[in-house]
Amino acid sequence: MKKFSYSIGFFFAVFLLGLGFYASYQYACSRDPELTDQVLEAENPLHSDYHIKIENEKVIVLLDDGTVYETTEISKDTLPSSVQEQIARGYVIKTSRELYSFLENFSS
């Protein structure tokens, strides 16, 4: 009977230890926005790439199906020539974090 109670105590201790590790991992993940964004984008099956185009001398963002995701006030003239060339060839951005970083870099 003593062995049985020690076995139950041992498994209970291992269970609590595992639960503690899991809770600390979840806490760390919730505090790191970069990790959270990657997980959210990976879990979203409807996520599509963002295509950067220039229409009417302004930068616009399109989704894969061609719908306008966002129109900007970023003028073509404010972009460096290398970025203008990339957009002309077809500039695709994979994540929303990269998209907003790109837009933030070139907005006034």
N, C-alpha and C. Protein backbone atom coordinates (compact mmCIF):
# COMPACT_ATOMS: atom_id res chain seq x y z
N MET A 1 0.82 -1.19 0.00
CA MET A 1 0.00 0.00 0.00
C MET A 1 0.86 1.26 0.00
N LYS A 2 2.02 1.19 0.64
CA LYS A 2 2.90 2.34 0.71
C LYS A 2 3.44 2.67 -0.69
N LYS A 3 3.78 1.61 -1.47
CA LYS A 3 4.28 1.83 -2.83
C LYS A 3 3.22 2.51 -3.69
N PHE A 4 1.97 2.11 -3.52
CA PHE A 4 0.88 2.68 -4.30
C PHE A 4 0.72 4.17 -4.00
N SER A 5 0.78 4.56 -2.75
CA SER A 5 0.63 5.97 -2.39
C SER A 5 1.83 6.79 -2.87
N TYR A 6 3.05 6.19 -2.83
CA TYR A 6 4.21 6.89 -3.37
C TYR A 6 4.08 7.06 -4.89
N SER A 7 3.57 6.05 -5.57
CA SER A 7 3.38 6.13 -7.01
C SER A 7 2.39 7.23 -7.38
N ILE A 8 1.30 7.29 -6.65
CA ILE A 8 0.31 8.35 -6.90
C ILE A 8 0.92 9.72 -6.63
N GLY A 9 1.66 9.86 -5.58
CA GLY A 9 2.33 11.13 -5.26
C GLY A 9 3.33 11.51 -6.34
N PHE A 10 4.10 10.54 -6.84
CA PHE A 10 5.08 10.80 -7.88
C PHE A 10 4.40 11.28 -9.16
N PHE A 11 3.36 10.60 -9.60
CA PHE A 11 2.66 11.00 -10.83
C PHE A 11 1.97 12.35 -10.66
N PHE A 12 1.47 12.62 -9.48
CA PHE A 12 0.85 13.92 -9.22
C PHE A 12 1.89 15.04 -9.29
N ALA A 13 3.10 14.78 -8.75
CA ALA A 13 4.18 15.76 -8.80
C ALA A 13 4.62 16.01 -10.24
N VAL A 14 4.74 14.95 -11.03
CA VAL A 14 5.12 15.09 -12.44
C VAL A 14 4.05 15.86 -13.20
N PHE A 15 2.80 15.58 -12.92
CA PHE A 15 1.69 16.29 -13.55
C PHE A 15 1.75 17.78 -13.24
N LEU A 16 1.94 18.13 -11.98
CA LEU A 16 2.03 19.54 -11.59
C LEU A 16 3.23 20.23 -12.22
N LEU A 17 4.34 19.53 -12.30
CA LEU A 17 5.54 20.09 -12.93
C LEU A 17 5.28 20.36 -14.41
N GLY A 18 4.67 19.41 -15.10
CA GLY A 18 4.33 19.60 -16.52
C GLY A 18 3.35 20.74 -16.72
N LEU A 19 2.37 20.83 -15.85
CA LEU A 19 1.40 21.90 -15.91
C LEU A 19 2.07 23.27 -15.71
N GLY A 20 3.03 23.31 -14.81
CA GLY A 20 3.77 24.56 -14.58
C GLY A 20 4.58 24.98 -15.81
N PHE A 21 5.26 24.01 -16.45
CA PHE A 21 6.02 24.32 -17.66
C PHE A 21 5.10 24.81 -18.77
N TYR A 22 3.96 24.17 -18.93
CA TYR A 22 3.01 24.57 -19.96
C TYR A 22 2.49 25.99 -19.69
N ALA A 23 2.16 26.28 -18.46
CA ALA A 23 1.67 27.62 -18.11
C ALA A 23 2.74 28.68 -18.35
N SER A 24 3.99 28.39 -18.02
CA SER A 24 5.05 29.38 -18.24
C SER A 24 5.29 29.59 -19.74
N TYR A 25 5.16 28.52 -20.54
CA TYR A 25 5.31 28.65 -21.99
C TYR A 25 4.20 29.52 -22.56
N GLN A 26 2.96 29.29 -22.14
CA GLN A 26 1.84 30.09 -22.62
C GLN A 26 2.00 31.55 -22.22
N TYR A 27 2.48 31.79 -21.02
CA TYR A 27 2.70 33.16 -20.55
C TYR A 27 3.76 33.85 -21.40
N ALA A 28 4.85 33.14 -21.70
CA ALA A 28 5.93 33.71 -22.51
C ALA A 28 5.44 34.02 -23.92
N CYS A 29 4.63 33.12 -24.48
CA CYS A 29 4.10 33.34 -25.83
C CYS A 29 3.16 34.53 -25.87
N SER A 30 2.39 34.71 -24.84
CA SER A 30 1.44 35.84 -24.82
C SER A 30 2.15 37.17 -24.65
N ARG A 31 3.35 37.17 -24.11
CA ARG A 31 4.09 38.41 -23.89
C ARG A 31 4.95 38.79 -25.09
N ASP A 32 5.13 37.90 -26.06
CA ASP A 32 5.98 38.15 -27.23
C ASP A 32 5.09 38.35 -28.46
N PRO A 33 4.84 39.62 -28.86
CA PRO A 33 3.92 39.86 -29.97
C PRO A 33 4.40 39.28 -31.30
N GLU A 34 5.71 39.23 -31.52
CA GLU A 34 6.22 38.68 -32.78
C GLU A 34 5.85 37.21 -32.90
N LEU A 35 6.00 36.47 -31.81
CA LEU A 35 5.66 35.06 -31.82
C LEU A 35 4.16 34.88 -31.98
N THR A 36 3.38 35.72 -31.34
CA THR A 36 1.92 35.64 -31.43
C THR A 36 1.46 35.92 -32.85
N ASP A 37 2.03 36.94 -33.51
CA ASP A 37 1.65 37.26 -34.89
C ASP A 37 1.97 36.11 -35.83
N GLN A 38 3.12 35.47 -35.65
CA GLN A 38 3.47 34.35 -36.51
C GLN A 38 2.50 33.21 -36.33
N VAL A 39 2.12 32.93 -35.09
CA VAL A 39 1.19 31.84 -34.83
C VAL A 39 -0.17 32.16 -35.42
N LEU A 40 -0.63 33.40 -35.27
CA LEU A 40 -1.94 33.78 -35.80
C LEU A 40 -1.97 33.68 -37.32
N GLU A 41 -0.91 34.12 -37.97
CA GLU A 41 -0.88 34.05 -39.42
C GLU A 41 -0.77 32.61 -39.91
N ALA A 42 -0.04 31.78 -39.18
CA ALA A 42 0.10 30.38 -39.58
C ALA A 42 -1.22 29.63 -39.39
N GLU A 43 -2.01 30.04 -38.40
CA GLU A 43 -3.26 29.36 -38.13
C GLU A 43 -4.41 29.87 -38.99
N ASN A 44 -4.22 30.95 -39.73
CA ASN A 44 -5.29 31.52 -40.53
C ASN A 44 -5.26 30.94 -41.94
N PRO A 45 -6.14 30.00 -42.26
CA PRO A 45 -6.09 29.38 -43.59
C PRO A 45 -6.55 30.32 -44.70
N LEU A 46 -7.20 31.42 -44.35
CA LEU A 46 -7.68 32.36 -45.36
C LEU A 46 -6.67 33.46 -45.67
N HIS A 47 -5.52 33.41 -45.01
CA HIS A 47 -4.50 34.43 -45.21
C HIS A 47 -3.99 34.38 -46.64
N SER A 48 -3.85 35.55 -47.24
CA SER A 48 -3.29 35.62 -48.57
C SER A 48 -2.12 36.60 -48.56
N ASP A 49 -1.33 36.53 -49.61
CA ASP A 49 -0.21 37.44 -49.73
C ASP A 49 -0.72 38.83 -50.08
N TYR A 50 0.13 39.82 -49.84
CA TYR A 50 -0.20 41.21 -50.15
C TYR A 50 0.64 41.63 -51.36
N HIS A 51 -0.03 42.14 -52.39
CA HIS A 51 0.65 42.56 -53.60
C HIS A 51 0.66 44.09 -53.63
N ILE A 52 1.84 44.65 -53.77
CA ILE A 52 2.00 46.10 -53.81
C ILE A 52 1.96 46.54 -55.27
N LYS A 53 1.11 47.50 -55.58
CA LYS A 53 0.98 48.03 -56.94
C LYS A 53 0.95 49.54 -56.86
N ILE A 54 1.13 50.16 -58.03
CA ILE A 54 1.00 51.62 -58.13
C ILE A 54 -0.12 51.91 -59.12
N GLU A 55 -1.12 52.63 -58.64
CA GLU A 55 -2.23 53.07 -59.49
C GLU A 55 -2.46 54.55 -59.23
N ASN A 56 -2.61 55.31 -60.30
CA ASN A 56 -2.83 56.76 -60.20
C ASN A 56 -1.73 57.43 -59.39
N GLU A 57 -0.48 56.96 -59.60
CA GLU A 57 0.71 57.50 -58.94
C GLU A 57 0.71 57.31 -57.42
N LYS A 58 -0.15 56.42 -56.90
CA LYS A 58 -0.22 56.12 -55.47
C LYS A 58 -0.01 54.62 -55.26
N VAL A 59 0.51 54.26 -54.09
CA VAL A 59 0.73 52.86 -53.74
C VAL A 59 -0.56 52.28 -53.19
N ILE A 60 -0.94 51.10 -53.71
CA ILE A 60 -2.10 50.39 -53.18
C ILE A 60 -1.67 48.96 -52.84
N VAL A 61 -2.44 48.34 -51.96
CA VAL A 61 -2.16 46.96 -51.55
C VAL A 61 -3.35 46.11 -51.97
N LEU A 62 -3.05 45.03 -52.70
CA LEU A 62 -4.07 44.12 -53.18
C LEU A 62 -3.88 42.73 -52.54
N LEU A 63 -4.98 42.01 -52.42
CA LEU A 63 -4.91 40.62 -51.99
C LEU A 63 -4.73 39.73 -53.20
N ASP A 64 -4.54 38.44 -52.97
CA ASP A 64 -4.32 37.48 -54.07
C ASP A 64 -5.43 37.50 -55.11
N ASP A 65 -6.67 37.70 -54.65
CA ASP A 65 -7.80 37.66 -55.58
C ASP A 65 -8.02 38.99 -56.31
N GLY A 66 -7.17 39.98 -56.06
CA GLY A 66 -7.26 41.26 -56.76
C GLY A 66 -8.07 42.32 -56.05
N THR A 67 -8.65 41.99 -54.91
CA THR A 67 -9.42 43.00 -54.17
C THR A 67 -8.45 43.95 -53.47
N VAL A 68 -8.87 45.19 -53.38
CA VAL A 68 -8.04 46.21 -52.74
C VAL A 68 -8.10 46.01 -51.23
N TYR A 69 -6.93 45.81 -50.64
CA TYR A 69 -6.83 45.64 -49.19
C TYR A 69 -6.68 46.99 -48.52
N GLU A 70 -5.84 47.84 -49.12
CA GLU A 70 -5.62 49.17 -48.54
C GLU A 70 -5.15 50.13 -49.61
N THR A 71 -5.69 51.32 -49.60
CA THR A 71 -5.19 52.39 -50.46
C THR A 71 -4.38 53.33 -49.57
N THR A 72 -3.30 53.82 -50.11
CA THR A 72 -2.42 54.68 -49.32
C THR A 72 -2.29 56.04 -49.99
N GLU A 73 -1.72 56.94 -49.28
CA GLU A 73 -1.40 58.26 -49.82
C GLU A 73 0.09 58.35 -50.15
N ILE A 74 0.75 57.22 -50.23
CA ILE A 74 2.18 57.19 -50.55
C ILE A 74 2.33 57.41 -52.05
N SER A 75 3.01 58.48 -52.40
CA SER A 75 3.20 58.82 -53.80
C SER A 75 4.34 58.01 -54.40
N LYS A 76 4.21 57.71 -55.68
CA LYS A 76 5.25 56.97 -56.40
C LYS A 76 6.56 57.74 -56.37
N ASP A 77 6.49 59.06 -56.40
CA ASP A 77 7.69 59.89 -56.44
C ASP A 77 8.50 59.82 -55.15
N THR A 78 7.86 59.47 -54.03
CA THR A 78 8.58 59.41 -52.76
C THR A 78 9.34 58.10 -52.57
N LEU A 79 9.07 57.12 -53.44
CA LEU A 79 9.73 55.82 -53.33
C LEU A 79 11.08 55.84 -54.02
N PRO A 80 12.07 55.17 -53.46
CA PRO A 80 13.36 55.04 -54.15
C PRO A 80 13.18 54.28 -55.47
N SER A 81 14.05 54.52 -56.40
CA SER A 81 13.92 53.89 -57.72
C SER A 81 14.00 52.37 -57.62
N SER A 82 14.80 51.85 -56.70
CA SER A 82 14.91 50.39 -56.56
C SER A 82 13.57 49.79 -56.11
N VAL A 83 12.86 50.47 -55.22
CA VAL A 83 11.55 49.99 -54.76
C VAL A 83 10.53 50.10 -55.89
N GLN A 84 10.61 51.18 -56.67
CA GLN A 84 9.70 51.33 -57.81
C GLN A 84 9.90 50.19 -58.81
N GLU A 85 11.15 49.79 -59.02
CA GLU A 85 11.44 48.69 -59.93
C GLU A 85 10.89 47.37 -59.38
N GLN A 86 11.05 47.16 -58.06
CA GLN A 86 10.52 45.93 -57.45
C GLN A 86 9.01 45.87 -57.60
N ILE A 87 8.35 46.99 -57.39
CA ILE A 87 6.89 47.03 -57.52
C ILE A 87 6.48 46.78 -58.97
N ALA A 88 7.23 47.33 -59.91
CA ALA A 88 6.91 47.12 -61.33
C ALA A 88 7.05 45.64 -61.71
N ARG A 89 8.01 44.94 -61.09
CA ARG A 89 8.20 43.51 -61.37
C ARG A 89 7.18 42.65 -60.64
N GLY A 90 6.53 43.18 -59.64
CA GLY A 90 5.56 42.42 -58.85
C GLY A 90 6.08 42.18 -57.44
N TYR A 91 5.82 43.09 -56.56
CA TYR A 91 6.31 43.03 -55.18
C TYR A 91 5.26 42.37 -54.30
N VAL A 92 5.62 41.25 -53.69
CA VAL A 92 4.69 40.48 -52.85
C VAL A 92 5.23 40.45 -51.43
N ILE A 93 4.35 40.71 -50.48
CA ILE A 93 4.70 40.67 -49.06
C ILE A 93 3.88 39.56 -48.42
N LYS A 94 4.51 38.75 -47.58
CA LYS A 94 3.88 37.55 -47.04
C LYS A 94 3.05 37.79 -45.77
N THR A 95 3.51 38.66 -44.87
CA THR A 95 2.82 38.81 -43.57
C THR A 95 2.34 40.24 -43.37
N SER A 96 1.36 40.39 -42.52
CA SER A 96 0.84 41.73 -42.22
C SER A 96 1.88 42.56 -41.50
N ARG A 97 2.71 41.94 -40.70
CA ARG A 97 3.78 42.68 -40.00
C ARG A 97 4.75 43.30 -41.00
N GLU A 98 5.16 42.52 -42.00
CA GLU A 98 6.05 43.04 -43.04
C GLU A 98 5.36 44.14 -43.85
N LEU A 99 4.07 43.95 -44.12
CA LEU A 99 3.32 44.94 -44.88
C LEU A 99 3.30 46.28 -44.16
N TYR A 100 2.94 46.26 -42.88
CA TYR A 100 2.85 47.52 -42.15
C TYR A 100 4.22 48.13 -41.92
N SER A 101 5.24 47.32 -41.84
CA SER A 101 6.60 47.85 -41.76
C SER A 101 6.97 48.57 -43.05
N PHE A 102 6.63 47.95 -44.19
CA PHE A 102 6.89 48.56 -45.49
C PHE A 102 6.14 49.89 -45.61
N LEU A 103 4.86 49.89 -45.27
CA LEU A 103 4.04 51.10 -45.40
C LEU A 103 4.54 52.19 -44.46
N GLU A 104 4.95 51.79 -43.26
CA GLU A 104 5.44 52.77 -42.28
C GLU A 104 6.74 53.42 -42.75
N ASN A 105 7.58 52.65 -43.41
CA ASN A 105 8.86 53.19 -43.88
C ASN A 105 8.68 54.28 -44.94
N PHE A 106 7.65 54.18 -45.75
CA PHE A 106 7.49 55.11 -46.86
C PHE A 106 6.39 56.12 -46.68
N SER A 107 5.64 56.05 -45.59
CA SER A 107 4.59 57.07 -45.36
C SER A 107 5.23 58.28 -44.69
N SER A 108 4.62 59.41 -44.91
CA SER A 108 5.21 60.64 -44.36
C SER A 108 4.77 60.91 -42.95
